[in-house]
Amino acid sequence: MADSSQKMSYQAGEAKGQAEEKASNLMDKASNAAQSAKETIQEAGQQMMAKAQGAADAIKDATGMNK
């Protein structure tokens, strides 16, 4: 039979382990959110560049500079 101080020590260790796991999960979620935001920004930048290139080409076509 474990005495009460051993039980308390075990429970404290359990609580510490659970807190560490929760913190780790939160860090993973934050990292995933940051990565997702980075990818979204990169996609938006690529779309803007493509649109700008399309607009530049349209202007060149309209002004006859594309020949």
PDB file of N, CA and C in Angstrom:
ATOM      1  N   MET A   1       0.847  -1.191   0.000  1.00  0.00           N
ATOM      2  CA  MET A   1       0.000   0.000   0.000  1.00  0.00           C
ATOM      3  C   MET A   1       0.886   1.246   0.000  1.00  0.00           C
ATOM      4  N   ALA A   2       0.565   2.147  -0.858  1.00  0.00           N
ATOM      5  CA  ALA A   2       1.325   3.395  -0.926  1.00  0.00           C
ATOM      6  C   ALA A   2       0.837   4.337   0.157  1.00  0.00           C
ATOM      7  N   ASP A   3       1.766   5.036   0.775  1.00  0.00           N
ATOM      8  CA  ASP A   3       1.313   6.007   1.766  1.00  0.00           C
ATOM      9  C   ASP A   3       0.855   7.278   1.048  1.00  0.00           C
ATOM     10  N   SER A   4       0.276   8.209   1.795  1.00  0.00           N
ATOM     11  CA  SER A   4      -0.353   9.372   1.170  1.00  0.00           C
ATOM     12  C   SER A   4       0.659  10.274   0.463  1.00  0.00           C
ATOM     13  N   SER A   5       1.876  10.350   0.955  1.00  0.00           N
ATOM     14  CA  SER A   5       2.853  11.209   0.277  1.00  0.00           C
ATOM     15  C   SER A   5       3.260  10.609  -1.070  1.00  0.00           C
ATOM     16  N   GLN A   6       3.327   9.283  -1.151  1.00  0.00           N
ATOM     17  CA  GLN A   6       3.630   8.640  -2.431  1.00  0.00           C
ATOM     18  C   GLN A   6       2.486   8.854  -3.426  1.00  0.00           C
ATOM     19  N   LYS A   7       1.250   8.760  -2.922  1.00  0.00           N
ATOM     20  CA  LYS A   7       0.075   8.983  -3.774  1.00  0.00           C
ATOM     21  C   LYS A   7       0.077  10.411  -4.301  1.00  0.00           C
ATOM     22  N   MET A   8       0.341  11.364  -3.427  1.00  0.00           N
ATOM     23  CA  MET A   8       0.350  12.771  -3.833  1.00  0.00           C
ATOM     24  C   MET A   8       1.452  13.020  -4.857  1.00  0.00           C
ATOM     25  N   SER A   9       2.596  12.406  -4.650  1.00  0.00           N
ATOM     26  CA  SER A   9       3.706  12.556  -5.577  1.00  0.00           C
ATOM     27  C   SER A   9       3.337  11.983  -6.936  1.00  0.00           C
ATOM     28  N   TYR A  10       2.684  10.817  -6.927  1.00  0.00           N
ATOM     29  CA  TYR A  10       2.256  10.190  -8.185  1.00  0.00           C
ATOM     30  C   TYR A  10       1.244  11.080  -8.896  1.00  0.00           C
ATOM     31  N   GLN A  11       0.277  11.602  -8.151  1.00  0.00           N
ATOM     32  CA  GLN A  11      -0.757  12.453  -8.752  1.00  0.00           C
ATOM     33  C   GLN A  11      -0.152  13.745  -9.303  1.00  0.00           C
ATOM     34  N   ALA A  12       0.827  14.283  -8.611  1.00  0.00           N
ATOM     35  CA  ALA A  12       1.499  15.492  -9.093  1.00  0.00           C
ATOM     36  C   ALA A  12       2.235  15.190 -10.394  1.00  0.00           C
ATOM     37  N   GLY A  13       2.861  14.041 -10.464  1.00  0.00           N
ATOM     38  CA  GLY A  13       3.545  13.632 -11.689  1.00  0.00           C
ATOM     39  C   GLY A  13       2.570  13.441 -12.833  1.00  0.00           C
ATOM     40  N   GLU A  14       1.425  12.842 -12.539  1.00  0.00           N
ATOM     41  CA  GLU A  14       0.381  12.659 -13.545  1.00  0.00           C
ATOM     42  C   GLU A  14      -0.095  14.016 -14.065  1.00  0.00           C
ATOM     43  N   ALA A  15      -0.363  14.940 -13.174  1.00  0.00           N
ATOM     44  CA  ALA A  15      -0.850  16.263 -13.562  1.00  0.00           C
ATOM     45  C   ALA A  15       0.195  16.984 -14.409  1.00  0.00           C
ATOM     46  N   LYS A  16       1.463  16.851 -14.013  1.00  0.00           N
ATOM     47  CA  LYS A  16       2.541  17.490 -14.777  1.00  0.00           C
ATOM     48  C   LYS A  16       2.602  16.903 -16.185  1.00  0.00           C
ATOM     49  N   GLY A  17       2.496  15.591 -16.286  1.00  0.00           N
ATOM     50  CA  GLY A  17       2.523  14.933 -17.600  1.00  0.00           C
ATOM     51  C   GLY A  17       1.374  15.377 -18.477  1.00  0.00           C
ATOM     52  N   GLN A  18       0.193  15.487 -17.890  1.00  0.00           N
ATOM     53  CA  GLN A  18      -0.976  15.922 -18.660  1.00  0.00           C
ATOM     54  C   GLN A  18      -0.816  17.376 -19.105  1.00  0.00           C
ATOM     55  N   ALA A  19      -0.286  18.224 -18.252  1.00  0.00           N
ATOM     56  CA  ALA A  19      -0.077  19.622 -18.611  1.00  0.00           C
ATOM     57  C   ALA A  19       0.936  19.746 -19.739  1.00  0.00           C
ATOM     58  N   GLU A  20       1.998  18.937 -19.660  1.00  0.00           N
ATOM     59  CA  GLU A  20       3.013  18.965 -20.726  1.00  0.00           C
ATOM     60  C   GLU A  20       2.426  18.499 -22.049  1.00  0.00           C
ATOM     61  N   GLU A  21       1.573  17.478 -22.003  1.00  0.00           N
ATOM     62  CA  GLU A  21       0.950  16.973 -23.235  1.00  0.00           C
ATOM     63  C   GLU A  21       0.024  18.023 -23.835  1.00  0.00           C
ATOM     64  N   LYS A  22      -0.752  18.693 -22.989  1.00  0.00           N
ATOM     65  CA  LYS A  22      -1.647  19.745 -23.480  1.00  0.00           C
ATOM     66  C   LYS A  22      -0.843  20.885 -24.096  1.00  0.00           C
ATOM     67  N   ALA A  23       0.243  21.278 -23.443  1.00  0.00           N
ATOM     68  CA  ALA A  23       1.084  22.347 -23.971  1.00  0.00           C
ATOM     69  C   ALA A  23       1.680  21.953 -25.313  1.00  0.00           C
ATOM     70  N   SER A  24       2.103  20.723 -25.423  1.00  0.00           N
ATOM     71  CA  SER A  24       2.668  20.222 -26.676  1.00  0.00           C
ATOM     72  C   SER A  24       1.618  20.248 -27.780  1.00  0.00           C
ATOM     73  N   ASN A  25       0.399  19.827 -27.457  1.00  0.00           N
ATOM     74  CA  ASN A  25      -0.687  19.847 -28.440  1.00  0.00           C
ATOM     75  C   ASN A  25      -1.004  21.267 -28.879  1.00  0.00           C
ATOM     76  N   LEU A  26      -1.001  22.201 -27.937  1.00  0.00           N
ATOM     77  CA  LEU A  26      -1.254  23.600 -28.285  1.00  0.00           C
ATOM     78  C   LEU A  26      -0.157  24.145 -29.190  1.00  0.00           C
ATOM     79  N   MET A  27       1.079  23.779 -28.909  1.00  0.00           N
ATOM     80  CA  MET A  27       2.192  24.229 -29.751  1.00  0.00           C
ATOM     81  C   MET A  27       2.071  23.652 -31.151  1.00  0.00           C
ATOM     82  N   ASP A  28       1.671  22.382 -31.255  1.00  0.00           N
ATOM     83  CA  ASP A  28       1.469  21.768 -32.571  1.00  0.00           C
ATOM     84  C   ASP A  28       0.376  22.488 -33.342  1.00  0.00           C
ATOM     85  N   LYS A  29      -0.727  22.801 -32.654  1.00  0.00           N
ATOM     86  CA  LYS A  29      -1.830  23.503 -33.309  1.00  0.00           C
ATOM     87  C   LYS A  29      -1.386  24.885 -33.773  1.00  0.00           C
ATOM     88  N   ALA A  30      -0.639  25.594 -32.939  1.00  0.00           N
ATOM     89  CA  ALA A  30      -0.159  26.925 -33.312  1.00  0.00           C
ATOM     90  C   ALA A  30       0.785  26.839 -34.501  1.00  0.00           C
ATOM     91  N   SER A  31       1.641  25.845 -34.502  1.00  0.00           N
ATOM     92  CA  SER A  31       2.579  25.657 -35.610  1.00  0.00           C
ATOM     93  C   SER A  31       1.830  25.353 -36.896  1.00  0.00           C
ATOM     94  N   ASN A  32       0.824  24.490 -36.807  1.00  0.00           N
ATOM     95  CA  ASN A  32       0.026  24.158 -37.987  1.00  0.00           C
ATOM     96  C   ASN A  32      -0.718  25.377 -38.502  1.00  0.00           C
ATOM     97  N   ALA A  33      -1.249  26.189 -37.603  1.00  0.00           N
ATOM     98  CA  ALA A  33      -1.968  27.395 -38.013  1.00  0.00           C
ATOM     99  C   ALA A  33      -1.012  28.373 -38.691  1.00  0.00           C
ATOM    100  N   ALA A  34       0.189  28.501 -38.148  1.00  0.00           N
ATOM    101  CA  ALA A  34       1.177  29.400 -38.746  1.00  0.00           C
ATOM    102  C   ALA A  34       1.575  28.914 -40.130  1.00  0.00           C
ATOM    103  N   GLN A  35       1.773  27.632 -40.283  1.00  0.00           N
ATOM    104  CA  GLN A  35       2.146  27.066 -41.587  1.00  0.00           C
ATOM    105  C   GLN A  35       1.020  27.277 -42.591  1.00  0.00           C
ATOM    106  N   SER A  36      -0.206  27.066 -42.161  1.00  0.00           N
ATOM    107  CA  SER A  36      -1.362  27.250 -43.039  1.00  0.00           C
ATOM    108  C   SER A  36      -1.472  28.710 -43.473  1.00  0.00           C
ATOM    109  N   ALA A  37      -1.265  29.635 -42.543  1.00  0.00           N
ATOM    110  CA  ALA A  37      -1.326  31.062 -42.876  1.00  0.00           C
ATOM    111  C   ALA A  37      -0.225  31.422 -43.866  1.00  0.00           C
ATOM    112  N   LYS A  38       0.956  30.875 -43.659  1.00  0.00           N
ATOM    113  CA  LYS A  38       2.075  31.135 -44.565  1.00  0.00           C
ATOM    114  C   LYS A  38       1.743  30.649 -45.978  1.00  0.00           C
ATOM    115  N   GLU A  39       1.181  29.455 -46.077  1.00  0.00           N
ATOM    116  CA  GLU A  39       0.829  28.904 -47.389  1.00  0.00           C
ATOM    117  C   GLU A  39      -0.258  29.738 -48.055  1.00  0.00           C
ATOM    118  N   THR A  40      -1.232  30.195 -47.271  1.00  0.00           N
ATOM    119  CA  THR A  40      -2.311  31.017 -47.820  1.00  0.00           C
ATOM    120  C   THR A  40      -1.759  32.334 -48.354  1.00  0.00           C
ATOM    121  N   ILE A  41      -0.850  32.938 -47.615  1.00  0.00           N
ATOM    122  CA  ILE A  41      -0.247  34.205 -48.047  1.00  0.00           C
ATOM    123  C   ILE A  41       0.572  33.989 -49.312  1.00  0.00           C
ATOM    124  N   GLN A  42       1.305  32.895 -49.372  1.00  0.00           N
ATOM    125  CA  GLN A  42       2.094  32.602 -50.572  1.00  0.00           C
ATOM    126  C   GLN A  42       1.189  32.420 -51.785  1.00  0.00           C
ATOM    127  N   GLU A  43       0.076  31.706 -51.594  1.00  0.00           N
ATOM    128  CA  GLU A  43      -0.863  31.503 -52.703  1.00  0.00           C
ATOM    129  C   GLU A  43      -1.442  32.833 -53.159  1.00  0.00           C
ATOM    130  N   ALA A  44      -1.816  33.674 -52.212  1.00  0.00           N
ATOM    131  CA  ALA A  44      -2.388  34.974 -52.557  1.00  0.00           C
ATOM    132  C   ALA A  44      -1.359  35.806 -53.329  1.00  0.00           C
ATOM    133  N   GLY A  45      -0.113  35.760 -52.904  1.00  0.00           N
ATOM    134  CA  GLY A  45       0.951  36.488 -53.595  1.00  0.00           C
ATOM    135  C   GLY A  45       1.139  35.983 -55.017  1.00  0.00           C
ATOM    136  N   GLN A  46       1.090  34.674 -55.189  1.00  0.00           N
ATOM    137  CA  GLN A  46       1.243  34.101 -56.527  1.00  0.00           C
ATOM    138  C   GLN A  46       0.073  34.497 -57.420  1.00  0.00           C
ATOM    139  N   GLN A  47      -1.140  34.509 -56.859  1.00  0.00           N
ATOM    140  CA  GLN A  47      -2.314  34.909 -57.638  1.00  0.00           C
ATOM    141  C   GLN A  47      -2.213  36.377 -58.039  1.00  0.00           C
ATOM    142  N   MET A  48      -1.756  37.226 -57.111  1.00  0.00           N
ATOM    143  CA  MET A  48      -1.605  38.646 -57.427  1.00  0.00           C
ATOM    144  C   MET A  48      -0.560  38.851 -58.520  1.00  0.00           C
ATOM    145  N   MET A  49       0.537  38.113 -58.444  1.00  0.00           N
ATOM    146  CA  MET A  49       1.572  38.230 -59.476  1.00  0.00           C
ATOM    147  C   MET A  49       1.032  37.801 -60.835  1.00  0.00           C
ATOM    148  N   ALA A  50       0.259  36.726 -60.861  1.00  0.00           N
ATOM    149  CA  ALA A  50      -0.310  36.240 -62.119  1.00  0.00           C
ATOM    150  C   ALA A  50      -1.291  37.265 -62.691  1.00  0.00           C
ATOM    151  N   LYS A  51      -2.104  37.859 -61.823  1.00  0.00           N
ATOM    152  CA  LYS A  51      -3.050  38.878 -62.283  1.00  0.00           C
ATOM    153  C   LYS A  51      -2.316  40.105 -62.792  1.00  0.00           C
ATOM    154  N   ALA A  52      -1.267  40.520 -62.092  1.00  0.00           N
ATOM    155  CA  ALA A  52      -0.487  41.683 -62.530  1.00  0.00           C
ATOM    156  C   ALA A  52       0.158  41.407 -63.877  1.00  0.00           C
ATOM    157  N   GLN A  53       0.675  40.199 -64.043  1.00  0.00           N
ATOM    158  CA  GLN A  53       1.290  39.843 -65.332  1.00  0.00           C
ATOM    159  C   GLN A  53       0.230  39.852 -66.427  1.00  0.00           C
ATOM    160  N   GLY A  54      -0.951  39.322 -66.120  1.00  0.00           N
ATOM    161  CA  GLY A  54      -2.045  39.332 -67.089  1.00  0.00           C
ATOM    162  C   GLY A  54      -2.454  40.744 -67.456  1.00  0.00           C
ATOM    163  N   ALA A  55      -2.511  41.623 -66.471  1.00  0.00           N
ATOM    164  CA  ALA A  55      -2.871  43.016 -66.733  1.00  0.00           C
ATOM    165  C   ALA A  55      -1.806  43.691 -67.587  1.00  0.00           C
ATOM    166  N   ALA A  56      -0.543  43.419 -67.278  1.00  0.00           N
ATOM    167  CA  ALA A  56       0.552  44.007 -68.063  1.00  0.00           C
ATOM    168  C   ALA A  56       0.489  43.520 -69.505  1.00  0.00           C
ATOM    169  N   ASP A  57       0.216  42.243 -69.689  1.00  0.00           N
ATOM    170  CA  ASP A  57       0.095  41.698 -71.041  1.00  0.00           C
ATOM    171  C   ASP A  57      -1.089  42.319 -71.776  1.00  0.00           C
ATOM    172  N   ALA A  58      -2.206  42.505 -71.068  1.00  0.00           N
ATOM    173  CA  ALA A  58      -3.389  43.108 -71.689  1.00  0.00           C
ATOM    174  C   ALA A  58      -3.087  44.538 -72.137  1.00  0.00           C
ATOM    175  N   ILE A  59      -2.358  45.282 -71.323  1.00  0.00           N
ATOM    176  CA  ILE A  59      -1.987  46.660 -71.686  1.00  0.00           C
ATOM    177  C   ILE A  59      -1.067  46.645 -72.902  1.00  0.00           C
ATOM    178  N   LYS A  60      -0.108  45.741 -72.900  1.00  0.00           N
ATOM    179  CA  LYS A  60       0.809  45.640 -74.047  1.00  0.00           C
ATOM    180  C   LYS A  60       0.036  45.300 -75.321  1.00  0.00           C
ATOM    181  N   ASP A  61      -0.940  44.377 -75.200  1.00  0.00           N
ATOM    182  CA  ASP A  61      -1.758  44.018 -76.360  1.00  0.00           C
ATOM    183  C   ASP A  61      -2.565  45.220 -76.836  1.00  0.00           C
ATOM    184  N   ALA A  62      -3.182  45.931 -75.894  1.00  0.00           N
ATOM    185  CA  ALA A  62      -4.040  47.066 -76.248  1.00  0.00           C
ATOM    186  C   ALA A  62      -3.249  48.216 -76.870  1.00  0.00           C
ATOM    187  N   THR A  63      -2.014  48.387 -76.461  1.00  0.00           N
ATOM    188  CA  THR A  63      -1.208  49.490 -76.981  1.00  0.00           C
ATOM    189  C   THR A  63      -0.329  49.059 -78.138  1.00  0.00           C
ATOM    190  N   GLY A  64      -0.369  47.798 -78.471  1.00  0.00           N
ATOM    191  CA  GLY A  64       0.416  47.298 -79.586  1.00  0.00           C
ATOM    192  C   GLY A  64       1.872  47.105 -79.239  1.00  0.00           C
ATOM    193  N   MET A  65       2.220  47.085 -77.975  1.00  0.00           N
ATOM    194  CA  MET A  65       3.622  46.937 -77.554  1.00  0.00           C
ATOM    195  C   MET A  65       4.029  45.461 -77.478  1.00  0.00           C
ATOM    196  N   ASN A  66       3.115  44.574 -77.732  1.00  0.00           N
ATOM    197  CA  ASN A  66       3.393  43.144 -77.557  1.00  0.00           C
ATOM    198  C   ASN A  66       3.772  42.488 -78.875  1.00  0.00           C
ATOM    199  N   LYS A  67       4.084  43.279 -79.873  1.00  0.00           N
ATOM    200  CA  LYS A  67       4.386  42.725 -81.194  1.00  0.00           C
ATOM    201  C   LYS A  67       5.858  42.715 -81.481  1.00  0.00           C
TER     202      LYS A  67
END
